[in-house]
Amino acid sequence: MQSGTKHLTGRVDQKQIQLLEKISKEEKIDRSAALRKVLDIGIREYMKRKAVEDYRKGRISVGRAAEEAEVSIAEFYNILEGEGIPIKVDTGILKEIV
């Protein structure tokens, strides 16, 4: 077992096992490594989606959302644009600049 890793037990269906085997073969890695890779991708996607939803609902700022999604603010703006979510601008800051 790799240092810093822990054993995790969970149930998956047959289709998920088949897809994991396919990924394992395509990537030329063992099933555990394939599972970690897929899990990492899924977690990153989940964090992005949650950050987008929290931003859309006004729960967090764009900076905080980018931080939670673990992307730059510029990248988060691109994510928002792709989702068709308008970027909220603090007009108070604009007045200070002008």
PDB file of N, CA and C in Angstrom:
ATOM      1  N   MET A   1       0.846  -1.175   0.000  1.00  0.00           N
ATOM      2  CA  MET A   1       0.000   0.000   0.000  1.00  0.00           C
ATOM      3  C   MET A   1       0.890   1.237   0.000  1.00  0.00           C
ATOM      4  N   GLN A   2       0.514   2.284  -0.749  1.00  0.00           N
ATOM      5  CA  GLN A   2       1.281   3.524  -0.809  1.00  0.00           C
ATOM      6  C   GLN A   2       1.212   4.241   0.526  1.00  0.00           C
ATOM      7  N   SER A   3       2.294   4.981   0.839  1.00  0.00           N
ATOM      8  CA  SER A   3       2.258   5.744   2.086  1.00  0.00           C
ATOM      9  C   SER A   3       1.187   6.825   1.977  1.00  0.00           C
ATOM     10  N   GLY A   4       0.502   7.066   3.073  1.00  0.00           N
ATOM     11  CA  GLY A   4      -0.561   8.060   3.070  1.00  0.00           C
ATOM     12  C   GLY A   4      -1.882   7.554   2.538  1.00  0.00           C
ATOM     13  N   THR A   5      -1.952   6.293   2.163  1.00  0.00           N
ATOM     14  CA  THR A   5      -3.215   5.755   1.672  1.00  0.00           C
ATOM     15  C   THR A   5      -3.851   4.888   2.747  1.00  0.00           C
ATOM     16  N   LYS A   6      -5.154   4.761   2.635  1.00  0.00           N
ATOM     17  CA  LYS A   6      -5.904   3.900   3.538  1.00  0.00           C
ATOM     18  C   LYS A   6      -6.782   2.987   2.720  1.00  0.00           C
ATOM     19  N   HIS A   7      -7.087   1.887   3.297  1.00  0.00           N
ATOM     20  CA  HIS A   7      -7.974   0.907   2.658  1.00  0.00           C
ATOM     21  C   HIS A   7      -9.413   1.395   2.795  1.00  0.00           C
ATOM     22  N   LEU A   8     -10.166   1.305   1.717  1.00  0.00           N
ATOM     23  CA  LEU A   8     -11.564   1.731   1.708  1.00  0.00           C
ATOM     24  C   LEU A   8     -12.394   0.621   1.092  1.00  0.00           C
ATOM     25  N   THR A   9     -13.484   0.326   1.728  1.00  0.00           N
ATOM     26  CA  THR A   9     -14.369  -0.716   1.218  1.00  0.00           C
ATOM     27  C   THR A   9     -15.681  -0.078   0.773  1.00  0.00           C
ATOM     28  N   GLY A  10     -16.166  -0.484  -0.368  1.00  0.00           N
ATOM     29  CA  GLY A  10     -17.444   0.017  -0.856  1.00  0.00           C
ATOM     30  C   GLY A  10     -18.007  -0.949  -1.882  1.00  0.00           C
ATOM     31  N   ARG A  11     -19.268  -0.793  -2.173  1.00  0.00           N
ATOM     32  CA  ARG A  11     -19.913  -1.678  -3.138  1.00  0.00           C
ATOM     33  C   ARG A  11     -20.082  -0.950  -4.472  1.00  0.00           C
ATOM     34  N   VAL A  12     -19.797  -1.663  -5.540  1.00  0.00           N
ATOM     35  CA  VAL A  12     -19.991  -1.144  -6.888  1.00  0.00           C
ATOM     36  C   VAL A  12     -20.742  -2.188  -7.695  1.00  0.00           C
ATOM     37  N   ASP A  13     -21.430  -1.724  -8.727  1.00  0.00           N
ATOM     38  CA  ASP A  13     -22.179  -2.692  -9.528  1.00  0.00           C
ATOM     39  C   ASP A  13     -21.290  -3.281 -10.633  1.00  0.00           C
ATOM     40  N   GLN A  14     -21.817  -4.287 -11.296  1.00  0.00           N
ATOM     41  CA  GLN A  14     -21.047  -5.020 -12.301  1.00  0.00           C
ATOM     42  C   GLN A  14     -20.592  -4.114 -13.440  1.00  0.00           C
ATOM     43  N   LYS A  15     -21.446  -3.206 -13.873  1.00  0.00           N
ATOM     44  CA  LYS A  15     -21.090  -2.295 -14.968  1.00  0.00           C
ATOM     45  C   LYS A  15     -19.905  -1.417 -14.570  1.00  0.00           C
ATOM     46  N   GLN A  16     -19.887  -0.928 -13.334  1.00  0.00           N
ATOM     47  CA  GLN A  16     -18.781  -0.109 -12.860  1.00  0.00           C
ATOM     48  C   GLN A  16     -17.484  -0.905 -12.829  1.00  0.00           C
ATOM     49  N   ILE A  17     -17.559  -2.161 -12.431  1.00  0.00           N
ATOM     50  CA  ILE A  17     -16.379  -3.019 -12.414  1.00  0.00           C
ATOM     51  C   ILE A  17     -15.855  -3.221 -13.833  1.00  0.00           C
ATOM     52  N   GLN A  18     -16.767  -3.457 -14.773  1.00  0.00           N
ATOM     53  CA  GLN A  18     -16.361  -3.649 -16.166  1.00  0.00           C
ATOM     54  C   GLN A  18     -15.685  -2.393 -16.714  1.00  0.00           C
ATOM     55  N   LEU A  19     -16.265  -1.236 -16.424  1.00  0.00           N
ATOM     56  CA  LEU A  19     -15.670   0.014 -16.903  1.00  0.00           C
ATOM     57  C   LEU A  19     -14.322   0.279 -16.243  1.00  0.00           C
ATOM     58  N   LEU A  20     -14.211  -0.048 -14.973  1.00  0.00           N
ATOM     59  CA  LEU A  20     -12.944   0.120 -14.266  1.00  0.00           C
ATOM     60  C   LEU A  20     -11.871  -0.793 -14.862  1.00  0.00           C
ATOM     61  N   GLU A  21     -12.246  -2.007 -15.195  1.00  0.00           N
ATOM     62  CA  GLU A  21     -11.317  -2.936 -15.844  1.00  0.00           C
ATOM     63  C   GLU A  21     -10.868  -2.380 -17.194  1.00  0.00           C
ATOM     64  N   LYS A  22     -11.803  -1.820 -17.944  1.00  0.00           N
ATOM     65  CA  LYS A  22     -11.481  -1.233 -19.250  1.00  0.00           C
ATOM     66  C   LYS A  22     -10.492  -0.087 -19.082  1.00  0.00           C
ATOM     67  N   ILE A  23     -10.746   0.789 -18.118  1.00  0.00           N
ATOM     68  CA  ILE A  23      -9.846   1.916 -17.850  1.00  0.00           C
ATOM     69  C   ILE A  23      -8.468   1.399 -17.441  1.00  0.00           C
ATOM     70  N   SER A  24      -8.465   0.400 -16.600  1.00  0.00           N
ATOM     71  CA  SER A  24      -7.215  -0.202 -16.127  1.00  0.00           C
ATOM     72  C   SER A  24      -6.372  -0.701 -17.300  1.00  0.00           C
ATOM     73  N   LYS A  25      -6.998  -1.387 -18.225  1.00  0.00           N
ATOM     74  CA  LYS A  25      -6.290  -1.913 -19.403  1.00  0.00           C
ATOM     75  C   LYS A  25      -5.825  -0.786 -20.314  1.00  0.00           C
ATOM     76  N   GLU A  26      -6.703   0.187 -20.564  1.00  0.00           N
ATOM     77  CA  GLU A  26      -6.352   1.307 -21.447  1.00  0.00           C
ATOM     78  C   GLU A  26      -5.196   2.129 -20.886  1.00  0.00           C
ATOM     79  N   GLU A  27      -5.203   2.337 -19.581  1.00  0.00           N
ATOM     80  CA  GLU A  27      -4.181   3.156 -18.937  1.00  0.00           C
ATOM     81  C   GLU A  27      -2.938   2.341 -18.568  1.00  0.00           C
ATOM     82  N   LYS A  28      -3.048   1.022 -18.702  1.00  0.00           N
ATOM     83  CA  LYS A  28      -1.960   0.111 -18.332  1.00  0.00           C
ATOM     84  C   LYS A  28      -1.560   0.297 -16.864  1.00  0.00           C
ATOM     85  N   ILE A  29      -2.577   0.313 -16.018  1.00  0.00           N
ATOM     86  CA  ILE A  29      -2.389   0.433 -14.568  1.00  0.00           C
ATOM     87  C   ILE A  29      -3.267  -0.615 -13.891  1.00  0.00           C
ATOM     88  N   ASP A  30      -2.948  -0.908 -12.631  1.00  0.00           N
ATOM     89  CA  ASP A  30      -3.776  -1.897 -11.941  1.00  0.00           C
ATOM     90  C   ASP A  30      -5.128  -1.282 -11.561  1.00  0.00           C
ATOM     91  N   ARG A  31      -6.034  -2.148 -11.167  1.00  0.00           N
ATOM     92  CA  ARG A  31      -7.407  -1.710 -10.876  1.00  0.00           C
ATOM     93  C   ARG A  31      -7.464  -0.700  -9.741  1.00  0.00           C
ATOM     94  N   SER A  32      -6.638  -0.850  -8.733  1.00  0.00           N
ATOM     95  CA  SER A  32      -6.620   0.106  -7.620  1.00  0.00           C
ATOM     96  C   SER A  32      -6.197   1.491  -8.094  1.00  0.00           C
ATOM     97  N   ALA A  33      -5.170   1.537  -8.935  1.00  0.00           N
ATOM     98  CA  ALA A  33      -4.707   2.817  -9.472  1.00  0.00           C
ATOM     99  C   ALA A  33      -5.786   3.439 -10.355  1.00  0.00           C
ATOM    100  N   ALA A  34      -6.461   2.617 -11.139  1.00  0.00           N
ATOM    101  CA  ALA A  34      -7.547   3.112 -11.994  1.00  0.00           C
ATOM    102  C   ALA A  34      -8.678   3.664 -11.133  1.00  0.00           C
ATOM    103  N   LEU A  35      -9.003   2.967 -10.065  1.00  0.00           N
ATOM    104  CA  LEU A  35     -10.054   3.440  -9.169  1.00  0.00           C
ATOM    105  C   LEU A  35      -9.673   4.776  -8.540  1.00  0.00           C
ATOM    106  N   ARG A  36      -8.431   4.912  -8.091  1.00  0.00           N
ATOM    107  CA  ARG A  36      -7.974   6.182  -7.511  1.00  0.00           C
ATOM    108  C   ARG A  36      -8.046   7.301  -8.540  1.00  0.00           C
ATOM    109  N   LYS A  37      -7.647   7.007  -9.766  1.00  0.00           N
ATOM    110  CA  LYS A  37      -7.668   8.011 -10.828  1.00  0.00           C
ATOM    111  C   LYS A  37      -9.093   8.492 -11.101  1.00  0.00           C
ATOM    112  N   VAL A  38     -10.002   7.540 -11.241  1.00  0.00           N
ATOM    113  CA  VAL A  38     -11.406   7.872 -11.503  1.00  0.00           C
ATOM    114  C   VAL A  38     -12.014   8.616 -10.312  1.00  0.00           C
ATOM    115  N   LEU A  39     -11.665   8.197  -9.118  1.00  0.00           N
ATOM    116  CA  LEU A  39     -12.159   8.862  -7.912  1.00  0.00           C
ATOM    117  C   LEU A  39     -11.656  10.306  -7.847  1.00  0.00           C
ATOM    118  N   ASP A  40     -10.376  10.521  -8.162  1.00  0.00           N
ATOM    119  CA  ASP A  40      -9.822  11.883  -8.183  1.00  0.00           C
ATOM    120  C   ASP A  40     -10.569  12.765  -9.176  1.00  0.00           C
ATOM    121  N   ILE A  41     -10.813  12.233 -10.360  1.00  0.00           N
ATOM    122  CA  ILE A  41     -11.532  12.987 -11.392  1.00  0.00           C
ATOM    123  C   ILE A  41     -12.945  13.316 -10.913  1.00  0.00           C
ATOM    124  N   GLY A  42     -13.615  12.332 -10.331  1.00  0.00           N
ATOM    125  CA  GLY A  42     -14.978  12.530  -9.836  1.00  0.00           C
ATOM    126  C   GLY A  42     -15.042  13.553  -8.715  1.00  0.00           C
ATOM    127  N   ILE A  43     -14.085  13.508  -7.809  1.00  0.00           N
ATOM    128  CA  ILE A  43     -14.069  14.464  -6.696  1.00  0.00           C
ATOM    129  C   ILE A  43     -13.841  15.875  -7.213  1.00  0.00           C
ATOM    130  N   ARG A  44     -12.886  16.031  -8.149  1.00  0.00           N
ATOM    131  CA  ARG A  44     -12.638  17.379  -8.713  1.00  0.00           C
ATOM    132  C   ARG A  44     -13.884  17.917  -9.410  1.00  0.00           C
ATOM    133  N   GLU A  45     -14.553  17.053 -10.173  1.00  0.00           N
ATOM    134  CA  GLU A  45     -15.772  17.476 -10.871  1.00  0.00           C
ATOM    135  C   GLU A  45     -16.871  17.835  -9.869  1.00  0.00           C
ATOM    136  N   TYR A  46     -17.016  17.042  -8.840  1.00  0.00           N
ATOM    137  CA  TYR A  46     -18.014  17.325  -7.804  1.00  0.00           C
ATOM    138  C   TYR A  46     -17.738  18.683  -7.155  1.00  0.00           C
ATOM    139  N   MET A  47     -16.481  18.934  -6.806  1.00  0.00           N
ATOM    140  CA  MET A  47     -16.125  20.192  -6.143  1.00  0.00           C
ATOM    141  C   MET A  47     -16.411  21.384  -7.055  1.00  0.00           C
ATOM    142  N   LYS A  48     -16.142  21.243  -8.348  1.00  0.00           N
ATOM    143  CA  LYS A  48     -16.447  22.318  -9.297  1.00  0.00           C
ATOM    144  C   LYS A  48     -17.949  22.555  -9.369  1.00  0.00           C
ATOM    145  N   ARG A  49     -18.714  21.478  -9.505  1.00  0.00           N
ATOM    146  CA  ARG A  49     -20.176  21.619  -9.612  1.00  0.00           C
ATOM    147  C   ARG A  49     -20.767  22.248  -8.350  1.00  0.00           C
ATOM    148  N   LYS A  50     -20.262  21.823  -7.189  1.00  0.00           N
ATOM    149  CA  LYS A  50     -20.755  22.386  -5.925  1.00  0.00           C
ATOM    150  C   LYS A  50     -20.401  23.865  -5.824  1.00  0.00           C
ATOM    151  N   ALA A  51     -19.191  24.232  -6.199  1.00  0.00           N
ATOM    152  CA  ALA A  51     -18.774  25.632  -6.162  1.00  0.00           C
ATOM    153  C   ALA A  51     -19.637  26.480  -7.104  1.00  0.00           C
ATOM    154  N   VAL A  52     -19.926  25.954  -8.289  1.00  0.00           N
ATOM    155  CA  VAL A  52     -20.789  26.667  -9.242  1.00  0.00           C
ATOM    156  C   VAL A  52     -22.176  26.873  -8.638  1.00  0.00           C
ATOM    157  N   GLU A  53     -22.726  25.840  -8.061  1.00  0.00           N
ATOM    158  CA  GLU A  53     -24.067  25.933  -7.472  1.00  0.00           C
ATOM    159  C   GLU A  53     -24.087  26.907  -6.290  1.00  0.00           C
ATOM    160  N   ASP A  54     -23.081  26.834  -5.432  1.00  0.00           N
ATOM    161  CA  ASP A  54     -23.020  27.755  -4.287  1.00  0.00           C
ATOM    162  C   ASP A  54     -22.866  29.200  -4.761  1.00  0.00           C
ATOM    163  N   TYR A  55     -22.068  29.419  -5.807  1.00  0.00           N
ATOM    164  CA  TYR A  55     -21.915  30.765  -6.360  1.00  0.00           C
ATOM    165  C   TYR A  55     -23.231  31.230  -6.980  1.00  0.00           C
ATOM    166  N   ARG A  56     -23.857  30.358  -7.759  1.00  0.00           N
ATOM    167  CA  ARG A  56     -25.126  30.715  -8.420  1.00  0.00           C
ATOM    168  C   ARG A  56     -26.181  31.132  -7.411  1.00  0.00           C
ATOM    169  N   LYS A  57     -26.203  30.451  -6.270  1.00  0.00           N
ATOM    170  CA  LYS A  57     -27.182  30.755  -5.228  1.00  0.00           C
ATOM    171  C   LYS A  57     -26.759  31.914  -4.336  1.00  0.00           C
ATOM    172  N   GLY A  58     -25.588  32.482  -4.607  1.00  0.00           N
ATOM    173  CA  GLY A  58     -25.129  33.631  -3.833  1.00  0.00           C
ATOM    174  C   GLY A  58     -24.570  33.280  -2.467  1.00  0.00           C
ATOM    175  N   ARG A  59     -24.256  32.014  -2.250  1.00  0.00           N
ATOM    176  CA  ARG A  59     -23.731  31.578  -0.952  1.00  0.00           C
ATOM    177  C   ARG A  59     -22.266  31.951  -0.764  1.00  0.00           C
ATOM    178  N   ILE A  60     -21.522  32.005  -1.883  1.00  0.00           N
ATOM    179  CA  ILE A  60     -20.091  32.306  -1.807  1.00  0.00           C
ATOM    180  C   ILE A  60     -19.686  33.240  -2.938  1.00  0.00           C
ATOM    181  N   SER A  61     -18.565  33.921  -2.743  1.00  0.00           N
ATOM    182  CA  SER A  61     -18.026  34.831  -3.761  1.00  0.00           C
ATOM    183  C   SER A  61     -17.336  34.029  -4.860  1.00  0.00           C
ATOM    184  N   VAL A  62     -17.023  34.721  -5.940  1.00  0.00           N
ATOM    185  CA  VAL A  62     -16.331  34.059  -7.039  1.00  0.00           C
ATOM    186  C   VAL A  62     -14.939  33.605  -6.595  1.00  0.00           C
ATOM    187  N   GLY A  63     -14.282  34.396  -5.775  1.00  0.00           N
ATOM    188  CA  GLY A  63     -12.963  34.010  -5.282  1.00  0.00           C
ATOM    189  C   GLY A  63     -13.019  32.759  -4.421  1.00  0.00           C
ATOM    190  N   ARG A  64     -13.990  32.724  -3.525  1.00  0.00           N
ATOM    191  CA  ARG A  64     -14.159  31.549  -2.659  1.00  0.00           C
ATOM    192  C   ARG A  64     -14.557  30.329  -3.486  1.00  0.00           C
ATOM    193  N   ALA A  65     -15.422  30.527  -4.475  1.00  0.00           N
ATOM    194  CA  ALA A  65     -15.857  29.423  -5.334  1.00  0.00           C
ATOM    195  C   ALA A  65     -14.671  28.843  -6.103  1.00  0.00           C
ATOM    196  N   ALA A  66     -13.822  29.718  -6.640  1.00  0.00           N
ATOM    197  CA  ALA A  66     -12.638  29.253  -7.362  1.00  0.00           C
ATOM    198  C   ALA A  66     -11.725  28.470  -6.425  1.00  0.00           C
ATOM    199  N   GLU A  67     -11.586  28.974  -5.208  1.00  0.00           N
ATOM    200  CA  GLU A  67     -10.758  28.288  -4.210  1.00  0.00           C
ATOM    201  C   GLU A  67     -11.315  26.899  -3.893  1.00  0.00           C
ATOM    202  N   GLU A  68     -12.612  26.817  -3.683  1.00  0.00           N
ATOM    203  CA  GLU A  68     -13.231  25.523  -3.364  1.00  0.00           C
ATOM    204  C   GLU A  68     -13.168  24.556  -4.539  1.00  0.00           C
ATOM    205  N   ALA A  69     -13.238  25.094  -5.757  1.00  0.00           N
ATOM    206  CA  ALA A  69     -13.144  24.252  -6.954  1.00  0.00           C
ATOM    207  C   ALA A  69     -11.689  23.926  -7.291  1.00  0.00           C
ATOM    208  N   GLU A  70     -10.767  24.550  -6.567  1.00  0.00           N
ATOM    209  CA  GLU A  70      -9.334  24.369  -6.778  1.00  0.00           C
ATOM    210  C   GLU A  70      -8.913  24.722  -8.198  1.00  0.00           C
ATOM    211  N   VAL A  71      -9.419  25.884  -8.663  1.00  0.00           N
ATOM    212  CA  VAL A  71      -9.046  26.434  -9.965  1.00  0.00           C
ATOM    213  C   VAL A  71      -8.762  27.918  -9.788  1.00  0.00           C
ATOM    214  N   SER A  72      -8.134  28.528 -10.778  1.00  0.00           N
ATOM    215  CA  SER A  72      -7.899  29.964 -10.734  1.00  0.00           C
ATOM    216  C   SER A  72      -9.231  30.699 -10.928  1.00  0.00           C
ATOM    217  N   ILE A  73      -9.254  31.964 -10.559  1.00  0.00           N
ATOM    218  CA  ILE A  73     -10.474  32.754 -10.767  1.00  0.00           C
ATOM    219  C   ILE A  73     -10.785  32.830 -12.259  1.00  0.00           C
ATOM    220  N   ALA A  74      -9.759  33.012 -13.087  1.00  0.00           N
ATOM    221  CA  ALA A  74      -9.979  33.066 -14.536  1.00  0.00           C
ATOM    222  C   ALA A  74     -10.606  31.771 -15.044  1.00  0.00           C
ATOM    223  N   GLU A  75     -10.110  30.648 -14.553  1.00  0.00           N
ATOM    224  CA  GLU A  75     -10.680  29.362 -14.964  1.00  0.00           C
ATOM    225  C   GLU A  75     -12.116  29.223 -14.460  1.00  0.00           C
ATOM    226  N   PHE A  76     -12.381  29.723 -13.255  1.00  0.00           N
ATOM    227  CA  PHE A  76     -13.737  29.640 -12.727  1.00  0.00           C
ATOM    228  C   PHE A  76     -14.688  30.509 -13.556  1.00  0.00           C
ATOM    229  N   TYR A  77     -14.213  31.678 -14.005  1.00  0.00           N
ATOM    230  CA  TYR A  77     -15.027  32.505 -14.905  1.00  0.00           C
ATOM    231  C   TYR A  77     -15.384  31.715 -16.164  1.00  0.00           C
ATOM    232  N   ASN A  78     -14.431  30.962 -16.700  1.00  0.00           N
ATOM    233  CA  ASN A  78     -14.698  30.138 -17.890  1.00  0.00           C
ATOM    234  C   ASN A  78     -15.730  29.058 -17.593  1.00  0.00           C
ATOM    235  N   ILE A  79     -15.639  28.461 -16.405  1.00  0.00           N
ATOM    236  CA  ILE A  79     -16.618  27.453 -16.004  1.00  0.00           C
ATOM    237  C   ILE A  79     -18.004  28.077 -15.935  1.00  0.00           C
ATOM    238  N   LEU A  80     -18.092  29.260 -15.310  1.00  0.00           N
ATOM    239  CA  LEU A  80     -19.389  29.948 -15.211  1.00  0.00           C
ATOM    240  C   LEU A  80     -19.944  30.272 -16.589  1.00  0.00           C
ATOM    241  N   GLU A  81     -19.083  30.747 -17.466  1.00  0.00           N
ATOM    242  CA  GLU A  81     -19.514  31.067 -18.824  1.00  0.00           C
ATOM    243  C   GLU A  81     -20.056  29.824 -19.520  1.00  0.00           C
ATOM    244  N   GLY A  82     -19.351  28.708 -19.366  1.00  0.00           N
ATOM    245  CA  GLY A  82     -19.788  27.451 -19.966  1.00  0.00           C
ATOM    246  C   GLY A  82     -21.128  26.973 -19.428  1.00  0.00           C
ATOM    247  N   GLU A  83     -21.411  27.309 -18.180  1.00  0.00           N
ATOM    248  CA  GLU A  83     -22.680  26.929 -17.551  1.00  0.00           C
ATOM    249  C   GLU A  83     -23.779  27.967 -17.811  1.00  0.00           C
ATOM    250  N   GLY A  84     -23.415  29.081 -18.447  1.00  0.00           N
ATOM    251  CA  GLY A  84     -24.392  30.140 -18.715  1.00  0.00           C
ATOM    252  C   GLY A  84     -24.796  30.901 -17.467  1.00  0.00           C
ATOM    253  N   ILE A  85     -23.911  30.958 -16.493  1.00  0.00           N
ATOM    254  CA  ILE A  85     -24.206  31.657 -15.239  1.00  0.00           C
ATOM    255  C   ILE A  85     -23.549  33.030 -15.277  1.00  0.00           C
ATOM    256  N   PRO A  86     -24.336  34.087 -15.104  1.00  0.00           N
ATOM    257  CA  PRO A  86     -23.760  35.440 -15.149  1.00  0.00           C
ATOM    258  C   PRO A  86     -22.818  35.684 -13.976  1.00  0.00           C
ATOM    259  N   ILE A  87     -21.797  36.473 -14.242  1.00  0.00           N
ATOM    260  CA  ILE A  87     -20.835  36.837 -13.205  1.00  0.00           C
ATOM    261  C   ILE A  87     -21.369  38.060 -12.482  1.00  0.00           C
ATOM    262  N   LYS A  88     -21.417  37.966 -11.163  1.00  0.00           N
ATOM    263  CA  LYS A  88     -21.907  39.064 -10.343  1.00  0.00           C
ATOM    264  C   LYS A  88     -20.747  40.011 -10.065  1.00  0.00           C
ATOM    265  N   VAL A  89     -20.990  41.299 -10.269  1.00  0.00           N
ATOM    266  CA  VAL A  89     -19.952  42.306 -10.061  1.00  0.00           C
ATOM    267  C   VAL A  89     -20.373  43.194  -8.908  1.00  0.00           C
ATOM    268  N   ASP A  90     -19.452  43.413  -7.974  1.00  0.00           N
ATOM    269  CA  ASP A  90     -19.687  44.307  -6.843  1.00  0.00           C
ATOM    270  C   ASP A  90     -19.552  45.740  -7.342  1.00  0.00           C
ATOM    271  N   THR A  91     -20.673  46.424  -7.525  1.00  0.00           N
ATOM    272  CA  THR A  91     -20.657  47.782  -8.052  1.00  0.00           C
ATOM    273  C   THR A  91     -19.951  48.757  -7.107  1.00  0.00           C
ATOM    274  N   GLY A  92     -19.899  48.435  -5.834  1.00  0.00           N
ATOM    275  CA  GLY A  92     -19.182  49.275  -4.871  1.00  0.00           C
ATOM    276  C   GLY A  92     -17.701  49.354  -5.205  1.00  0.00           C
ATOM    277  N   ILE A  93     -17.132  48.248  -5.608  1.00  0.00           N
ATOM    278  CA  ILE A  93     -15.722  48.223  -5.993  1.00  0.00           C
ATOM    279  C   ILE A  93     -15.514  49.030  -7.273  1.00  0.00           C
ATOM    280  N   LEU A  94     -16.443  48.916  -8.212  1.00  0.00           N
ATOM    281  CA  LEU A  94     -16.322  49.678  -9.452  1.00  0.00           C
ATOM    282  C   LEU A  94     -16.352  51.179  -9.177  1.00  0.00           C
ATOM    283  N   LYS A  95     -17.198  51.620  -8.249  1.00  0.00           N
ATOM    284  CA  LYS A  95     -17.276  53.038  -7.917  1.00  0.00           C
ATOM    285  C   LYS A  95     -15.966  53.523  -7.320  1.00  0.00           C
ATOM    286  N   GLU A  96     -15.289  52.679  -6.536  1.00  0.00           N
ATOM    287  CA  GLU A  96     -14.018  53.053  -5.946  1.00  0.00           C
ATOM    288  C   GLU A  96     -12.945  53.207  -6.989  1.00  0.00           C
ATOM    289  N   ILE A  97     -12.990  52.379  -8.035  1.00  0.00           N
ATOM    290  CA  ILE A  97     -11.976  52.413  -9.085  1.00  0.00           C
ATOM    291  C   ILE A  97     -12.137  53.667  -9.935  1.00  0.00           C
ATOM    292  N   VAL A  98     -13.379  54.021 -10.227  1.00  0.00           N
ATOM    293  CA  VAL A  98     -13.658  55.163 -11.116  1.00  0.00           C
ATOM    294  C   VAL A  98     -13.604  56.421 -10.345  1.00  0.00           C
TER     295      VAL A  98
END
